[in-house]
Amino acid sequence: MKFIHIADVHLGATPDSDMPWGADREKELWDSLYNVIELCNQNKVDLLLIAGDLFHKQPRLRDLKEVNYLFSKIETAEVVLMAGNHDYIGPRSYYPGFLWDARVHMFIKEEIDVIELPKLNTEIYGLSYHNRDITEPLYDSLKVGKQDKVQILLAHGGDEKNIPMNRKKLSVSGFDYIALGHIHKPEIVGEKMAYAGSLEPLDKNETGERGYILGEITLDPIKKTMIRFIPGSLRQYKRLDLMIDKNTTNGSLVDKTKLLIQKQGSQHIYQFTIRGFREEDIHFDKQALLSLGNVLEVTDETVPDYDFDQLYQENEDNMIGLFIRRIRENVEQDEVAKKALYYGLEALLNARE
């Protein structure tokens, strides 16, 4: 049985809504889900697992109809989903009673339930959130033991406020696969357990690749689970350093950044940190870098490349000379000490002005 495991799609979220590219990102979350459905059809997948937070908040009826239409385009796979802490089933939720496509199965109860898929000889265990916070470790005591069926746990949580999990207990629970959601960073926890991570990165802290888990479970001749993470997001947040030296000018830094964006991919969203030792009288134009494309932040951590010997000779009898002497006497001249000296000097020289 082949499956795809996704989580934390957060349909309806508006990442970077105040940025020029923000208008595209809400639609991209839907596009990314559509791409997964296409992958299900291309790979003739048997099962699509959605481990919570399909929506960013409790969905409207029209949102459910839209996503159900996408699910109706699936040709071979059964879909099993649960509500997470963002799209939890509240008093006014449209989840209960919604008429899903015949291939779609949703956990509605807030207690552990089982969805049986006879055609796949598979049982899926899970529940749905009915409150934003659940502090009880609801999954830790689960045990299964049938060897003639595929048994999967669909689970959302893993921190203090959202169903704490003991990974050691889960690893010996007997499930053939544990499909996890809530933690947005993808992680293969073990041979039979994984966080799919968010399908698309949702804020600047979600750097690195995002995508889905592709897996297969066999019963014959022996039970075996094989999983791997597949990158598939339309964009990534990337934190990159721009290294400079005393010969770097504003123009050369702009050209260097353009080439870097071109090489890494213009669709990605960048956070740059300028690092190194610059000419004393140059100040880099961060706005020029922010205008180069999807650049979210530019931080300048450069320091002036002072001539310490000359500065000491000119200021031997004042505070600046004393500062240089004390640092040199008491701290080894490693990179950290050198930066401390630069920053301290810059503050003293600016105060003198």
Protein backbone atom coordinates (compact mmCIF):
# COMPACT_ATOMS: atom_id res chain seq x y z
CA MET A 1 0.00 0.00 0.00
CA LYS A 2 1.43 3.34 -1.08
CA PHE A 3 0.60 6.50 0.85
CA ILE A 4 1.31 10.20 1.04
CA HIS A 5 1.31 11.91 4.44
CA ILE A 6 0.87 15.68 4.71
CA ALA A 7 0.04 18.02 7.58
CA ASP A 8 -0.36 21.67 8.53
CA VAL A 9 -1.53 22.96 5.16
CA HIS A 10 -3.20 25.94 6.87
CA LEU A 11 -5.54 26.86 4.04
CA GLY A 12 -6.77 30.40 4.61
CA ALA A 13 -3.56 31.67 6.18
CA THR A 14 -2.03 34.83 4.68
CA PRO A 15 1.76 34.63 5.12
CA ASP A 16 3.69 37.86 4.48
CA SER A 17 0.41 39.72 3.91
CA ASP A 18 2.19 43.09 4.21
CA MET A 19 4.81 42.27 1.58
CA PRO A 20 4.55 42.72 -2.22
CA TRP A 21 4.51 38.96 -2.78
CA GLY A 22 2.03 38.35 0.04
CA ALA A 23 -1.01 38.48 -2.23
CA ASP A 24 0.16 35.31 -3.98
CA ARG A 25 0.89 33.24 -0.91
CA GLU A 26 -2.68 32.55 0.23
CA LYS A 27 -3.45 31.08 -3.20
CA GLU A 28 -0.19 29.12 -3.18
CA LEU A 29 -1.35 27.12 -0.16
CA TRP A 30 -4.29 25.86 -2.25
CA ASP A 31 -2.00 25.31 -5.24
CA SER A 32 0.33 23.20 -3.12
CA LEU A 33 -2.56 20.99 -1.95
CA TYR A 34 -3.67 20.62 -5.57
CA ASN A 35 -0.13 19.52 -6.46
CA VAL A 36 -0.30 16.80 -3.80
CA ILE A 37 -3.54 15.52 -5.28
CA GLU A 38 -1.90 15.41 -8.69
CA LEU A 39 0.99 13.46 -7.16
CA CYS A 40 -1.49 10.99 -5.65
CA ASN A 41 -2.90 10.36 -9.11
CA GLN A 42 0.45 10.20 -10.87
CA ASN A 43 1.85 7.71 -8.35
CA LYS A 44 -1.43 5.76 -8.02
CA VAL A 45 -1.30 6.25 -4.26
CA ASP A 46 -3.73 4.21 -2.14
CA LEU A 47 -3.99 6.54 0.85
CA LEU A 48 -3.63 10.27 1.57
CA LEU A 49 -3.17 11.05 5.27
CA ILE A 50 -3.74 14.61 6.54
CA ALA A 51 -2.50 14.98 10.12
CA GLY A 52 -4.42 18.06 11.22
CA ASP A 53 -4.63 21.80 10.52
CA LEU A 54 -5.79 21.43 6.95
CA PHE A 55 -7.23 24.90 7.57
CA HIS A 56 -5.70 27.81 9.45
CA LYS A 57 -8.92 28.32 11.40
CA GLN A 58 -12.35 26.73 11.57
CA PRO A 59 -13.35 26.55 7.89
CA ARG A 60 -16.40 28.17 6.37
CA LEU A 61 -18.87 25.97 4.54
CA ARG A 62 -17.69 27.25 1.17
CA ASP A 63 -14.09 26.38 2.12
CA LEU A 64 -15.10 22.79 2.83
CA LYS A 65 -16.90 22.60 -0.49
CA GLU A 66 -13.81 23.85 -2.31
CA VAL A 67 -11.46 21.39 -0.66
CA ASN A 68 -13.96 18.57 -1.12
CA TYR A 69 -14.04 19.34 -4.84
CA LEU A 70 -10.24 18.95 -4.92
CA PHE A 71 -10.54 15.64 -3.11
CA SER A 72 -13.11 14.48 -5.64
CA LYS A 73 -10.39 14.68 -8.31
CA ILE A 74 -8.44 11.90 -6.61
CA GLU A 75 -8.55 8.76 -8.74
CA THR A 76 -7.18 5.97 -6.54
CA ALA A 77 -6.50 7.15 -2.99
CA GLU A 78 -8.69 7.13 0.09
CA VAL A 79 -8.33 10.34 2.15
CA VAL A 80 -8.26 10.31 5.95
CA LEU A 81 -8.08 13.58 7.88
CA MET A 82 -8.51 15.02 11.35
CA ALA A 83 -9.06 18.49 12.80
CA GLY A 84 -6.02 19.98 14.55
CA ASN A 85 -5.63 22.75 17.08
CA HIS A 86 -6.14 25.50 14.46
CA ASP A 87 -9.21 24.09 12.68
CA TYR A 88 -10.62 22.33 15.76
CA ILE A 89 -14.27 21.31 15.87
CA GLY A 90 -15.96 24.08 17.83
CA PRO A 91 -19.67 24.63 18.58
CA ARG A 92 -20.22 26.33 15.21
CA SER A 93 -17.96 24.09 13.14
CA TYR A 94 -19.21 22.84 9.76
CA TYR A 95 -17.11 19.67 10.00
CA PRO A 96 -19.77 17.54 11.74
CA GLY A 97 -22.44 16.55 9.25
CA PHE A 98 -20.53 17.73 6.19
CA LEU A 99 -21.10 15.37 3.26
CA TRP A 100 -17.64 14.47 2.01
CA ASP A 101 -16.82 12.75 -1.27
CA ALA A 102 -17.06 8.97 -0.97
CA ARG A 103 -13.26 8.64 -0.80
CA VAL A 104 -12.92 11.04 2.15
CA HIS A 105 -13.05 9.91 5.79
CA MET A 106 -12.77 12.29 8.74
CA PHE A 107 -12.34 11.73 12.46
CA ILE A 108 -15.10 13.67 14.23
CA LYS A 109 -14.95 12.37 17.81
CA GLU A 110 -12.61 13.87 20.42
CA GLU A 111 -11.82 10.38 21.73
CA ILE A 112 -9.67 7.82 19.89
CA ASP A 113 -11.70 6.30 17.07
CA VAL A 114 -10.94 3.85 14.27
CA ILE A 115 -11.65 4.29 10.55
CA GLU A 116 -11.68 0.97 8.71
CA LEU A 117 -10.71 0.76 5.04
CA PRO A 118 -11.55 -2.85 4.04
CA LYS A 119 -10.34 -2.48 0.44
CA LEU A 120 -6.89 -1.57 1.77
CA ASN A 121 -7.02 -4.04 4.66
CA THR A 122 -6.19 -1.03 6.84
CA GLU A 123 -7.29 0.53 10.12
CA ILE A 124 -6.57 4.20 10.89
CA TYR A 125 -6.64 5.34 14.52
CA GLY A 126 -7.13 8.97 15.45
CA LEU A 127 -9.27 11.78 16.84
CA SER A 128 -10.08 15.42 16.19
CA TYR A 129 -9.45 18.42 18.38
CA HIS A 130 -12.56 19.97 19.91
CA ASN A 131 -10.56 22.66 21.71
CA ARG A 132 -7.47 24.64 20.77
CA ASP A 133 -5.46 23.18 23.66
CA ILE A 134 -5.32 19.54 24.78
CA THR A 135 -2.79 18.89 27.54
CA GLU A 136 -3.41 15.16 28.09
CA PRO A 137 -1.07 12.63 26.39
CA LEU A 138 -3.92 10.88 24.60
CA TYR A 139 -1.78 8.74 22.29
CA ASP A 140 0.84 7.36 24.70
CA SER A 141 -1.22 4.43 26.02
CA LEU A 142 -2.33 3.13 22.61
CA LYS A 143 -1.36 -0.43 21.70
CA VAL A 144 -2.25 -2.49 18.64
CA GLY A 145 -1.25 -6.00 17.75
CA LYS A 146 -3.04 -7.36 14.70
CA GLN A 147 -0.52 -8.62 12.18
CA ASP A 148 -2.96 -9.37 9.36
CA LYS A 149 -3.91 -5.70 8.83
CA VAL A 150 -2.11 -2.42 8.26
CA GLN A 151 -2.60 -0.20 11.32
CA ILE A 152 -1.82 3.50 11.24
CA LEU A 153 -2.06 6.25 13.85
CA LEU A 154 -2.95 9.74 12.60
CA ALA A 155 -1.86 12.16 15.33
CA HIS A 156 -1.54 15.91 15.82
CA GLY A 157 0.49 17.36 18.66
CA GLY A 158 3.78 16.93 20.46
CA ASP A 159 4.13 19.87 22.86
CA GLU A 160 2.79 20.79 26.30
CA LYS A 161 -0.42 22.43 25.06
CA ASN A 162 -1.14 20.11 22.17
CA ILE A 163 -1.28 16.43 23.17
CA PRO A 164 2.19 15.79 24.62
CA MET A 165 3.79 12.66 23.18
CA ASN A 166 6.26 10.14 24.55
CA ARG A 167 8.12 9.04 21.43
CA LYS A 168 9.54 5.94 23.09
CA LYS A 169 6.07 4.71 24.04
CA LEU A 170 4.75 5.44 20.56
CA SER A 171 7.65 3.59 18.95
CA VAL A 172 6.62 0.36 20.70
CA SER A 173 2.86 0.81 20.26
CA GLY A 174 2.72 -1.64 17.38
CA PHE A 175 1.50 0.71 14.64
CA ASP A 176 2.84 0.13 11.16
CA TYR A 177 3.09 3.89 10.70
CA ILE A 178 2.48 6.97 12.87
CA ALA A 179 1.65 10.05 10.77
CA LEU A 180 2.35 13.15 12.84
CA GLY A 181 1.30 16.77 12.47
CA HIS A 182 1.56 20.09 14.36
CA ILE A 183 5.35 20.53 14.32
CA HIS A 184 6.02 22.41 11.11
CA LYS A 185 9.58 21.21 10.62
CA PRO A 186 9.68 17.84 8.82
CA GLU A 187 11.32 15.06 10.81
CA ILE A 188 11.73 11.33 10.29
CA VAL A 189 11.37 10.21 13.91
CA GLY A 190 11.99 6.53 13.21
CA GLU A 191 11.42 3.82 10.64
CA LYS A 192 7.66 3.97 11.26
CA MET A 193 7.03 7.51 12.51
CA ALA A 194 7.42 10.98 11.00
CA TYR A 195 6.34 14.60 11.11
CA ALA A 196 5.47 15.64 7.56
CA GLY A 197 5.97 19.29 8.50
CA SER A 198 4.03 22.12 6.94
CA LEU A 199 3.26 21.67 3.26
CA GLU A 200 4.43 25.25 2.62
CA PRO A 201 6.54 27.44 4.95
CA LEU A 202 4.27 29.86 6.78
CA ASP A 203 6.61 32.42 8.33
CA LYS A 204 10.24 33.54 8.25
CA ASN A 205 11.26 31.10 10.98
CA GLU A 206 10.27 28.09 8.85
CA THR A 207 13.49 27.95 6.88
CA GLY A 208 14.58 24.93 4.91
CA GLU A 209 12.70 22.49 2.71
CA ARG A 210 9.01 21.70 3.14
CA GLY A 211 7.00 18.93 1.52
CA TYR A 212 5.45 15.57 2.32
CA ILE A 213 6.15 11.98 3.34
CA LEU A 214 5.95 9.28 0.67
CA GLY A 215 5.63 5.79 2.08
CA GLU A 216 4.80 2.18 1.38
CA ILE A 217 3.67 -0.61 3.70
CA THR A 218 3.86 -4.25 2.59
CA LEU A 219 2.35 -7.33 4.24
CA ASP A 220 3.74 -10.07 2.05
CA PRO A 221 6.10 -11.78 2.58
CA ILE A 222 6.69 -9.75 5.77
CA LYS A 223 5.31 -6.53 7.19
CA LYS A 224 7.58 -3.68 6.25
CA THR A 225 7.28 0.13 6.29
CA MET A 226 9.39 2.37 4.06
CA ILE A 227 9.15 6.17 4.26
CA ARG A 228 11.04 9.16 2.92
CA PHE A 229 10.62 12.92 2.95
CA ILE A 230 10.04 14.54 -0.45
CA PRO A 231 10.66 18.31 -0.80
CA GLY A 232 7.78 19.89 -2.67
CA SER A 233 7.03 23.43 -1.48
CA LEU A 234 6.61 26.22 -4.01
CA ARG A 235 8.85 28.50 -1.95
CA GLN A 236 11.38 28.43 0.86
CA TYR A 237 12.49 30.98 3.41
CA LYS A 238 16.26 31.23 3.12
CA ARG A 239 18.67 32.84 5.59
CA LEU A 240 21.93 33.63 3.83
CA ASP A 241 25.12 35.51 4.69
CA LEU A 242 26.57 38.14 2.37
CA MET A 243 30.30 38.15 3.06
CA ILE A 244 32.15 41.39 2.32
CA ASP A 245 35.64 42.81 2.75
CA LYS A 246 37.17 46.30 2.74
CA ASN A 247 37.03 46.38 -1.07
CA THR A 248 33.26 45.79 -1.24
CA THR A 249 31.18 48.71 -2.46
CA ASN A 250 27.42 49.18 -2.48
CA GLY A 251 27.32 48.45 -6.20
CA SER A 252 29.35 45.26 -5.94
CA LEU A 253 27.21 44.07 -3.01
CA VAL A 254 24.02 44.59 -5.03
CA ASP A 255 25.47 42.65 -7.97
CA LYS A 256 26.63 39.85 -5.67
CA THR A 257 23.17 39.61 -4.11
CA LYS A 258 21.45 39.55 -7.51
CA LEU A 259 23.60 36.61 -8.59
CA LEU A 260 22.93 34.79 -5.34
CA ILE A 261 19.15 35.19 -5.71
CA GLN A 262 19.37 34.03 -9.32
CA LYS A 263 21.36 30.95 -8.30
CA GLN A 264 19.18 30.04 -5.30
CA GLY A 265 15.85 30.78 -7.03
CA SER A 266 13.94 34.02 -7.42
CA GLN A 267 10.74 32.44 -6.06
CA HIS A 268 12.21 32.02 -2.57
CA ILE A 269 11.99 34.55 0.26
CA TYR A 270 15.29 35.84 1.61
CA GLN A 271 16.71 37.09 4.89
CA PHE A 272 20.23 38.42 4.37
CA THR A 273 22.90 39.19 6.93
CA ILE A 274 25.86 41.26 5.74
CA ARG A 275 29.02 40.07 7.52
CA GLY A 276 32.71 40.95 7.43
CA PHE A 277 35.06 43.90 7.82
CA ARG A 278 34.26 46.95 5.69
CA GLU A 279 36.08 50.12 4.79
CA GLU A 280 35.78 52.56 7.68
CA ASP A 281 33.79 55.22 5.83
CA ILE A 282 31.36 53.00 3.88
CA HIS A 283 27.80 52.25 4.93
CA PHE A 284 25.80 49.68 3.00
CA ASP A 285 22.42 50.60 1.51
CA LYS A 286 20.06 47.98 2.90
CA GLN A 287 17.12 49.44 0.98
CA ALA A 288 18.87 48.71 -2.31
CA LEU A 289 19.00 45.02 -1.32
CA LEU A 290 15.40 44.97 -0.11
CA SER A 291 14.30 46.10 -3.58
CA LEU A 292 15.92 43.16 -5.40
CA GLY A 293 12.95 40.79 -5.13
CA ASN A 294 11.46 38.68 -2.35
CA VAL A 295 13.81 40.06 0.29
CA LEU A 296 12.17 40.11 3.70
CA GLU A 297 15.01 41.39 5.88
CA VAL A 298 18.55 42.73 5.60
CA THR A 299 20.72 42.90 8.71
CA ASP A 300 24.10 44.64 8.66
CA GLU A 301 26.57 43.05 11.09
CA THR A 302 29.70 44.40 9.43
CA VAL A 303 32.34 46.33 11.38
CA PRO A 304 34.87 48.92 10.19
CA ASP A 305 38.34 47.66 9.32
CA TYR A 306 40.22 50.06 11.64
CA ASP A 307 43.99 50.51 11.69
CA PHE A 308 44.42 49.72 15.39
CA ASP A 309 48.11 50.63 15.56
CA GLN A 310 47.50 54.09 14.11
CA LEU A 311 44.45 54.66 16.30
CA TYR A 312 46.43 53.67 19.39
CA GLN A 313 49.24 56.05 18.52
CA GLU A 314 46.75 58.88 18.02
CA ASN A 315 44.80 58.12 21.21
CA GLU A 316 47.39 56.61 23.58
CA ASP A 317 46.54 59.07 26.38
CA ASN A 318 42.73 58.96 26.20
CA MET A 319 39.87 56.48 26.67
CA ILE A 320 40.17 55.09 23.15
CA GLY A 321 43.83 54.22 23.65
CA LEU A 322 43.07 52.74 27.07
CA PHE A 323 40.32 50.58 25.55
CA ILE A 324 42.61 49.22 22.84
CA ARG A 325 45.36 48.48 25.37
CA ARG A 326 43.08 46.70 27.86
CA ILE A 327 41.51 44.49 25.20
CA ARG A 328 44.88 43.53 23.78
CA GLU A 329 46.30 42.78 27.23
CA ASN A 330 43.44 40.64 28.51
CA VAL A 331 41.84 38.89 25.54
CA GLU A 332 43.38 36.61 22.94
CA GLN A 333 43.03 38.02 19.48
CA ASP A 334 40.53 35.49 18.16
CA GLU A 335 37.61 36.44 15.93
CA VAL A 336 35.25 37.14 18.85
CA ALA A 337 37.74 39.40 20.62
CA LYS A 338 38.51 41.20 17.38
CA LYS A 339 34.81 41.91 16.80
CA ALA A 340 34.42 43.11 20.38
CA LEU A 341 37.28 45.50 19.80
CA TYR A 342 35.71 46.79 16.58
CA TYR A 343 32.27 47.32 18.13
CA GLY A 344 33.72 49.02 21.20
CA LEU A 345 35.88 51.30 19.10
CA GLU A 346 32.98 52.20 16.85
CA ALA A 347 30.91 53.23 19.87
CA LEU A 348 33.75 55.31 21.35
CA LEU A 349 34.57 57.02 18.04
CA ASN A 350 30.91 57.83 17.41
CA ALA A 351 30.63 59.26 20.94
CA ARG A 352 33.67 61.45 20.28
CA GLU A 353 31.98 62.86 17.18
